């Protein structure tokens, strides 16, 4: 964020790298550390005198959400959010060496796993057509049952010395992914800042 703001204020003539070099020369090279005043003074100088007091109060000392929606366009970038529905069991497991399955260590309340009557300590042996031979079975499960919401599937488990089958259903839940991408409608200035960030250069 600082790199973008410095580049925007200086017409892409200076960057966060200039700040780092300035602080390095003025403090470390003379045998001392730098203060907040040293740092923000160097940032302001690189940004042509822009004041960063509010920025510091909100996003460094403060805990306000980062304003990516207003910052990224300055660099010809934008966030794209994609929401898909994916099968989720709602369990955490550890490998069970005795059975080769996966021992349940956590169950998410309200999840598909809880709906089967699964208990902590149960060992998953198979879920529908998926044989559990590794602790990392989540991707295979999601691929096998993608788009099959509410499909009945048996959970074969080992509980103590007994092997039993529990009745369950596939449950799809929202999966949100955020991607950073170039804005094709960016201004020439923003596109130049984006190029500078990607190449580590200034104009």
C-alpha atoms as a PDB file:
ATOM      1  CA  UNK A   1       0.000   0.000   0.000  1.00  0.00           C
ATOM      2  CA  UNK A   2       2.780   2.427   0.866  1.00  0.00           C
ATOM      3  CA  UNK A   3       4.607   1.637  -2.361  1.00  0.00           C
ATOM      4  CA  UNK A   4       1.486   2.413  -4.380  1.00  0.00           C
ATOM      5  CA  UNK A   5       0.790   5.644  -2.473  1.00  0.00           C
ATOM      6  CA  UNK A   6       4.399   6.828  -2.794  1.00  0.00           C
ATOM      7  CA  UNK A   7       4.465   6.054  -6.512  1.00  0.00           C
ATOM      8  CA  UNK A   8       1.103   7.754  -7.050  1.00  0.00           C
ATOM      9  CA  UNK A   9       2.137  10.910  -5.175  1.00  0.00           C
ATOM     10  CA  UNK A  10       5.512  11.113  -6.953  1.00  0.00           C
ATOM     11  CA  UNK A  11       4.216  10.235 -10.441  1.00  0.00           C
ATOM     12  CA  UNK A  12       6.090   6.942 -10.202  1.00  0.00           C
ATOM     13  CA  UNK A  13       9.439   8.673  -9.751  1.00  0.00           C
ATOM     14  CA  UNK A  14      10.042   7.276  -6.275  1.00  0.00           C
ATOM     15  CA  UNK A  15       9.039   4.078  -4.462  1.00  0.00           C
ATOM     16  CA  UNK A  16       9.215   2.297  -1.132  1.00  0.00           C
ATOM     17  CA  UNK A  17      12.731   1.205  -2.146  1.00  0.00           C
ATOM     18  CA  UNK A  18      13.797   4.857  -1.944  1.00  0.00           C
ATOM     19  CA  UNK A  19      12.454   5.031   1.589  1.00  0.00           C
ATOM     20  CA  UNK A  20      14.361   1.908   2.617  1.00  0.00           C
ATOM     21  CA  UNK A  21      17.594   3.234   1.120  1.00  0.00           C
ATOM     22  CA  UNK A  22      17.132   6.630   2.777  1.00  0.00           C
ATOM     23  CA  UNK A  23      16.527   5.157   6.228  1.00  0.00           C
ATOM     24  CA  UNK A  24      19.448   2.746   5.752  1.00  0.00           C
ATOM     25  CA  UNK A  25      21.832   5.603   4.945  1.00  0.00           C
ATOM     26  CA  UNK A  26      20.588   8.006   7.600  1.00  0.00           C
ATOM     27  CA  UNK A  27      20.361   5.566  10.518  1.00  0.00           C
ATOM     28  CA  UNK A  28      21.961   2.139  10.138  1.00  0.00           C
ATOM     29  CA  UNK A  29      25.028   3.441   8.295  1.00  0.00           C
ATOM     30  CA  UNK A  30      25.715   5.861  11.130  1.00  0.00           C
ATOM     31  CA  UNK A  31      25.307   3.213  13.797  1.00  0.00           C
ATOM     32  CA  UNK A  32      21.789   3.747  15.098  1.00  0.00           C
ATOM     33  CA  UNK A  33      18.280   2.454  14.688  1.00  0.00           C
ATOM     34  CA  UNK A  34      15.432   4.453  13.205  1.00  0.00           C
ATOM     35  CA  UNK A  35      12.411   5.904  14.955  1.00  0.00           C
ATOM     36  CA  UNK A  36       8.846   6.244  13.765  1.00  0.00           C
ATOM     37  CA  UNK A  37       9.578   9.890  13.069  1.00  0.00           C
ATOM     38  CA  UNK A  38      12.579   8.901  10.912  1.00  0.00           C
ATOM     39  CA  UNK A  39      10.486   6.377   8.995  1.00  0.00           C
ATOM     40  CA  UNK A  40       7.436   8.517   8.291  1.00  0.00           C
ATOM     41  CA  UNK A  41       9.642  11.485   7.487  1.00  0.00           C
ATOM     42  CA  UNK A  42      11.381   9.428   4.808  1.00  0.00           C
ATOM     43  CA  UNK A  43       8.037   8.167   3.484  1.00  0.00           C
ATOM     44  CA  UNK A  44       6.657  11.700   3.293  1.00  0.00           C
ATOM     45  CA  UNK A  45       9.783  12.983   1.530  1.00  0.00           C
ATOM     46  CA  UNK A  46       9.619  10.216  -1.081  1.00  0.00           C
ATOM     47  CA  UNK A  47       5.933  11.033  -1.640  1.00  0.00           C
ATOM     48  CA  UNK A  48       6.645  14.711  -2.279  1.00  0.00           C
ATOM     49  CA  UNK A  49       5.557  15.908   1.166  1.00  0.00           C
ATOM     50  CA  UNK A  50       2.350  13.868   1.460  1.00  0.00           C
ATOM     51  CA  UNK A  51       1.226  13.522   5.090  1.00  0.00           C
ATOM     52  CA  UNK A  52       0.884   9.934   6.352  1.00  0.00           C
ATOM     53  CA  UNK A  53      -0.282  10.659   9.913  1.00  0.00           C
ATOM     54  CA  UNK A  54      -3.821   9.478   9.222  1.00  0.00           C
ATOM     55  CA  UNK A  55      -2.544   6.418   7.341  1.00  0.00           C
ATOM     56  CA  UNK A  56      -0.373   5.491  10.327  1.00  0.00           C
ATOM     57  CA  UNK A  57      -3.206   6.042  12.798  1.00  0.00           C
ATOM     58  CA  UNK A  58      -5.707   3.972  10.824  1.00  0.00           C
ATOM     59  CA  UNK A  59      -3.674   1.076   9.408  1.00  0.00           C
ATOM     60  CA  UNK A  60      -0.442   0.783  11.425  1.00  0.00           C
ATOM     61  CA  UNK A  61      -1.288   1.849  14.958  1.00  0.00           C
ATOM     62  CA  UNK A  62      -4.978   1.265  14.252  1.00  0.00           C
ATOM     63  CA  UNK A  63      -6.854  -1.808  13.095  1.00  0.00           C
ATOM     64  CA  UNK A  64      -9.101  -0.441  10.400  1.00  0.00           C
ATOM     65  CA  UNK A  65      -9.647  -2.649   7.331  1.00  0.00           C
ATOM     66  CA  UNK A  66      -7.159  -1.942   4.561  1.00  0.00           C
ATOM     67  CA  UNK A  67      -8.769   0.226   1.844  1.00  0.00           C
ATOM     68  CA  UNK A  68      -7.770  -1.980  -1.069  1.00  0.00           C
ATOM     69  CA  UNK A  69     -10.765  -0.839  -3.124  1.00  0.00           C
ATOM     70  CA  UNK A  70      -9.376   2.699  -3.270  1.00  0.00           C
ATOM     71  CA  UNK A  71      -5.638   1.894  -3.219  1.00  0.00           C
ATOM     72  CA  UNK A  72      -5.332  -0.834  -5.866  1.00  0.00           C
ATOM     73  CA  UNK A  73      -6.853   1.223  -8.716  1.00  0.00           C
ATOM     74  CA  UNK A  74      -3.996   3.705  -8.274  1.00  0.00           C
ATOM     75  CA  UNK A  75      -1.735   0.883  -9.496  1.00  0.00           C
ATOM     76  CA  UNK A  76      -4.037  -0.373 -12.231  1.00  0.00           C
ATOM     77  CA  UNK A  77      -5.064  -3.376 -10.158  1.00  0.00           C
ATOM     78  CA  UNK A  78      -8.309  -4.754  -8.804  1.00  0.00           C
ATOM     79  CA  UNK A  79      -9.572  -7.601  -6.661  1.00  0.00           C
ATOM     80  CA  UNK A  80     -11.897 -10.185  -8.158  1.00  0.00           C
ATOM     81  CA  UNK A  81     -13.894 -12.358  -5.785  1.00  0.00           C
ATOM     82  CA  UNK A  82     -15.227 -15.716  -6.970  1.00  0.00           C
ATOM     83  CA  UNK A  83     -17.718 -17.744  -4.956  1.00  0.00           C
ATOM     84  CA  UNK A  84     -18.240 -21.417  -5.693  1.00  0.00           C
ATOM     85  CA  UNK A  85     -20.115 -24.194  -3.916  1.00  0.00           C
ATOM     86  CA  UNK A  86     -17.860 -27.058  -2.837  1.00  0.00           C
ATOM     87  CA  UNK A  87     -18.416 -30.252  -0.829  1.00  0.00           C
ATOM     88  CA  UNK A  88     -17.156 -29.933   2.735  1.00  0.00           C
ATOM     89  CA  UNK A  89     -17.192 -32.560   5.462  1.00  0.00           C
ATOM     90  CA  UNK A  90     -16.348 -30.356   8.420  1.00  0.00           C
ATOM     91  CA  UNK A  91     -13.783 -32.609  10.103  1.00  0.00           C
ATOM     92  CA  UNK A  92     -10.137 -32.539  11.078  1.00  0.00           C
ATOM     93  CA  UNK A  93      -8.254 -35.822  11.169  1.00  0.00           C
ATOM     94  CA  UNK A  94      -4.954 -37.454  11.977  1.00  0.00           C
ATOM     95  CA  UNK A  95      -3.545 -40.559  10.266  1.00  0.00           C
ATOM     96  CA  UNK A  96      -4.472 -43.840  11.934  1.00  0.00           C
ATOM     97  CA  UNK A  97      -1.585 -46.239  11.337  1.00  0.00           C
ATOM     98  CA  UNK A  98      -3.436 -49.275  12.645  1.00  0.00           C
ATOM     99  CA  UNK A  99      -6.263 -49.079  10.114  1.00  0.00           C
ATOM    100  CA  UNK A 100      -4.742 -46.943   7.394  1.00  0.00           C
ATOM    101  CA  UNK A 101      -7.709 -44.599   7.709  1.00  0.00           C
ATOM    102  CA  UNK A 102      -8.066 -41.166   9.286  1.00  0.00           C
ATOM    103  CA  UNK A 103      -8.936 -40.612  12.948  1.00  0.00           C
ATOM    104  CA  UNK A 104     -11.403 -37.790  13.634  1.00  0.00           C
ATOM    105  CA  UNK A 105      -9.941 -35.118  15.918  1.00  0.00           C
ATOM    106  CA  UNK A 106     -12.446 -32.297  15.390  1.00  0.00           C
ATOM    107  CA  UNK A 107     -16.004 -31.949  14.094  1.00  0.00           C
ATOM    108  CA  UNK A 108     -17.437 -28.616  12.962  1.00  0.00           C
ATOM    109  CA  UNK A 109     -20.872 -27.945  14.504  1.00  0.00           C
ATOM    110  CA  UNK A 110     -23.647 -28.070  11.915  1.00  0.00           C
ATOM    111  CA  UNK A 111     -21.409 -29.752   9.338  1.00  0.00           C
ATOM    112  CA  UNK A 112     -22.107 -32.753   7.128  1.00  0.00           C
ATOM    113  CA  UNK A 113     -19.876 -34.837   9.396  1.00  0.00           C
ATOM    114  CA  UNK A 114     -21.849 -33.919  12.506  1.00  0.00           C
ATOM    115  CA  UNK A 115     -25.064 -34.830  10.724  1.00  0.00           C
ATOM    116  CA  UNK A 116     -23.927 -38.436  10.343  1.00  0.00           C
ATOM    117  CA  UNK A 117     -23.445 -38.941  14.079  1.00  0.00           C
ATOM    118  CA  UNK A 118     -19.673 -39.127  13.700  1.00  0.00           C
ATOM    119  CA  UNK A 119     -17.788 -38.879  16.999  1.00  0.00           C
ATOM    120  CA  UNK A 120     -14.315 -37.780  18.028  1.00  0.00           C
ATOM    121  CA  UNK A 121     -11.978 -40.754  17.897  1.00  0.00           C
ATOM    122  CA  UNK A 122     -13.880 -42.501  15.108  1.00  0.00           C
ATOM    123  CA  UNK A 123     -11.688 -43.686  12.249  1.00  0.00           C
ATOM    124  CA  UNK A 124     -12.894 -42.943   8.731  1.00  0.00           C
ATOM    125  CA  UNK A 125     -12.397 -45.926   6.412  1.00  0.00           C
ATOM    126  CA  UNK A 126     -14.465 -44.800   3.428  1.00  0.00           C
ATOM    127  CA  UNK A 127     -16.899 -42.072   2.417  1.00  0.00           C
ATOM    128  CA  UNK A 128     -19.193 -43.171  -0.385  1.00  0.00           C
ATOM    129  CA  UNK A 129     -16.962 -44.471  -3.167  1.00  0.00           C
ATOM    130  CA  UNK A 130     -13.849 -42.864  -1.677  1.00  0.00           C
ATOM    131  CA  UNK A 131     -11.545 -45.204   0.231  1.00  0.00           C
ATOM    132  CA  UNK A 132      -9.657 -43.340   2.950  1.00  0.00           C
ATOM    133  CA  UNK A 133      -6.046 -44.419   2.611  1.00  0.00           C
ATOM    134  CA  UNK A 134      -4.421 -41.096   3.451  1.00  0.00           C
ATOM    135  CA  UNK A 135      -5.043 -38.244   5.850  1.00  0.00           C
ATOM    136  CA  UNK A 136      -5.155 -35.810   2.917  1.00  0.00           C
ATOM    137  CA  UNK A 137      -8.405 -37.053   1.369  1.00  0.00           C
ATOM    138  CA  UNK A 138     -10.180 -33.679   1.234  1.00  0.00           C
ATOM    139  CA  UNK A 139      -9.262 -32.756  -2.369  1.00  0.00           C
ATOM    140  CA  UNK A 140     -10.305 -36.198  -3.646  1.00  0.00           C
ATOM    141  CA  UNK A 141     -13.619 -35.930  -1.782  1.00  0.00           C
ATOM    142  CA  UNK A 142     -14.336 -32.466  -3.168  1.00  0.00           C
ATOM    143  CA  UNK A 143     -13.555 -33.596  -6.709  1.00  0.00           C
ATOM    144  CA  UNK A 144     -15.620 -36.781  -6.483  1.00  0.00           C
ATOM    145  CA  UNK A 145     -18.735 -35.092  -5.087  1.00  0.00           C
ATOM    146  CA  UNK A 146     -18.594 -31.660  -6.725  1.00  0.00           C
ATOM    147  CA  UNK A 147     -22.092 -30.405  -7.511  1.00  0.00           C
ATOM    148  CA  UNK A 148     -23.829 -33.346  -5.810  1.00  0.00           C
ATOM    149  CA  UNK A 149     -25.543 -31.499  -2.985  1.00  0.00           C
ATOM    150  CA  UNK A 150     -27.707 -33.675  -0.685  1.00  0.00           C
ATOM    151  CA  UNK A 151     -26.572 -36.915  -2.351  1.00  0.00           C
ATOM    152  CA  UNK A 152     -26.855 -39.715   0.262  1.00  0.00           C
ATOM    153  CA  UNK A 153     -23.480 -41.335   0.998  1.00  0.00           C
ATOM    154  CA  UNK A 154     -22.435 -43.952   3.550  1.00  0.00           C
ATOM    155  CA  UNK A 155     -19.610 -43.252   5.985  1.00  0.00           C
ATOM    156  CA  UNK A 156     -17.834 -46.493   6.896  1.00  0.00           C
ATOM    157  CA  UNK A 157     -16.004 -46.014  10.176  1.00  0.00           C
ATOM    158  CA  UNK A 158     -14.279 -47.910  12.913  1.00  0.00           C
ATOM    159  CA  UNK A 159     -15.461 -47.053  16.418  1.00  0.00           C
ATOM    160  CA  UNK A 160     -13.526 -48.898  19.074  1.00  0.00           C
ATOM    161  CA  UNK A 161     -13.395 -52.527  17.935  1.00  0.00           C
ATOM    162  CA  UNK A 162     -16.508 -52.267  15.765  1.00  0.00           C
ATOM    163  CA  UNK A 163     -16.861 -51.357  12.106  1.00  0.00           C
ATOM    164  CA  UNK A 164     -20.119 -49.598  11.260  1.00  0.00           C
ATOM    165  CA  UNK A 165     -21.817 -47.547   8.567  1.00  0.00           C
ATOM    166  CA  UNK A 166     -23.279 -44.107   9.196  1.00  0.00           C
ATOM    167  CA  UNK A 167     -25.729 -42.426   6.850  1.00  0.00           C
ATOM    168  CA  UNK A 168     -24.676 -39.039   5.566  1.00  0.00           C
ATOM    169  CA  UNK A 169     -25.281 -36.569   2.770  1.00  0.00           C
ATOM    170  CA  UNK A 170     -23.042 -34.407   0.623  1.00  0.00           C
ATOM    171  CA  UNK A 171     -23.231 -30.812   1.759  1.00  0.00           C
ATOM    172  CA  UNK A 172     -22.064 -27.953  -0.435  1.00  0.00           C
ATOM    173  CA  UNK A 173     -20.806 -24.791   1.245  1.00  0.00           C
ATOM    174  CA  UNK A 174     -19.651 -21.447  -0.208  1.00  0.00           C
ATOM    175  CA  UNK A 175     -15.946 -21.202  -1.024  1.00  0.00           C
ATOM    176  CA  UNK A 176     -14.741 -17.631  -1.556  1.00  0.00           C
ATOM    177  CA  UNK A 177     -11.498 -16.957  -3.438  1.00  0.00           C
ATOM    178  CA  UNK A 178     -10.022 -13.513  -4.048  1.00  0.00           C
ATOM    179  CA  UNK A 179      -7.688 -12.834  -6.966  1.00  0.00           C
ATOM    180  CA  UNK A 180      -5.535  -9.833  -7.787  1.00  0.00           C
ATOM    181  CA  UNK A 181      -5.690  -8.892 -11.469  1.00  0.00           C
ATOM    182  CA  UNK A 182      -4.733  -6.099 -13.832  1.00  0.00           C
ATOM    183  CA  UNK A 183      -7.483  -3.607 -14.630  1.00  0.00           C
ATOM    184  CA  UNK A 184      -7.701  -3.326 -18.440  1.00  0.00           C
ATOM    185  CA  UNK A 185      -9.326   0.104 -18.060  1.00  0.00           C
ATOM    186  CA  UNK A 186      -6.556   1.566 -15.886  1.00  0.00           C
ATOM    187  CA  UNK A 187      -5.304   5.058 -16.662  1.00  0.00           C
ATOM    188  CA  UNK A 188      -1.886   5.494 -18.217  1.00  0.00           C
ATOM    189  CA  UNK A 189      -0.511   6.688 -14.890  1.00  0.00           C
ATOM    190  CA  UNK A 190      -1.923   3.698 -12.998  1.00  0.00           C
ATOM    191  CA  UNK A 191      -0.656   1.283 -15.651  1.00  0.00           C
ATOM    192  CA  UNK A 192       2.796   2.845 -15.322  1.00  0.00           C
ATOM    193  CA  UNK A 193       2.719   2.409 -11.551  1.00  0.00           C
ATOM    194  CA  UNK A 194       1.658  -1.209 -12.001  1.00  0.00           C
ATOM    195  CA  UNK A 195       4.551  -1.807 -14.391  1.00  0.00           C
ATOM    196  CA  UNK A 196       6.939  -0.171 -11.927  1.00  0.00           C
ATOM    197  CA  UNK A 197       5.780  -2.398  -9.081  1.00  0.00           C
ATOM    198  CA  UNK A 198       6.005  -5.555 -11.180  1.00  0.00           C
ATOM    199  CA  UNK A 199       9.489  -4.716 -12.462  1.00  0.00           C
ATOM    200  CA  UNK A 200      10.876  -2.925  -9.407  1.00  0.00           C
ATOM    201  CA  UNK A 201      11.580   0.231 -11.380  1.00  0.00           C
ATOM    202  CA  UNK A 202      10.646   3.913 -11.330  1.00  0.00           C
ATOM    203  CA  UNK A 203      10.397   6.403 -14.185  1.00  0.00           C
END
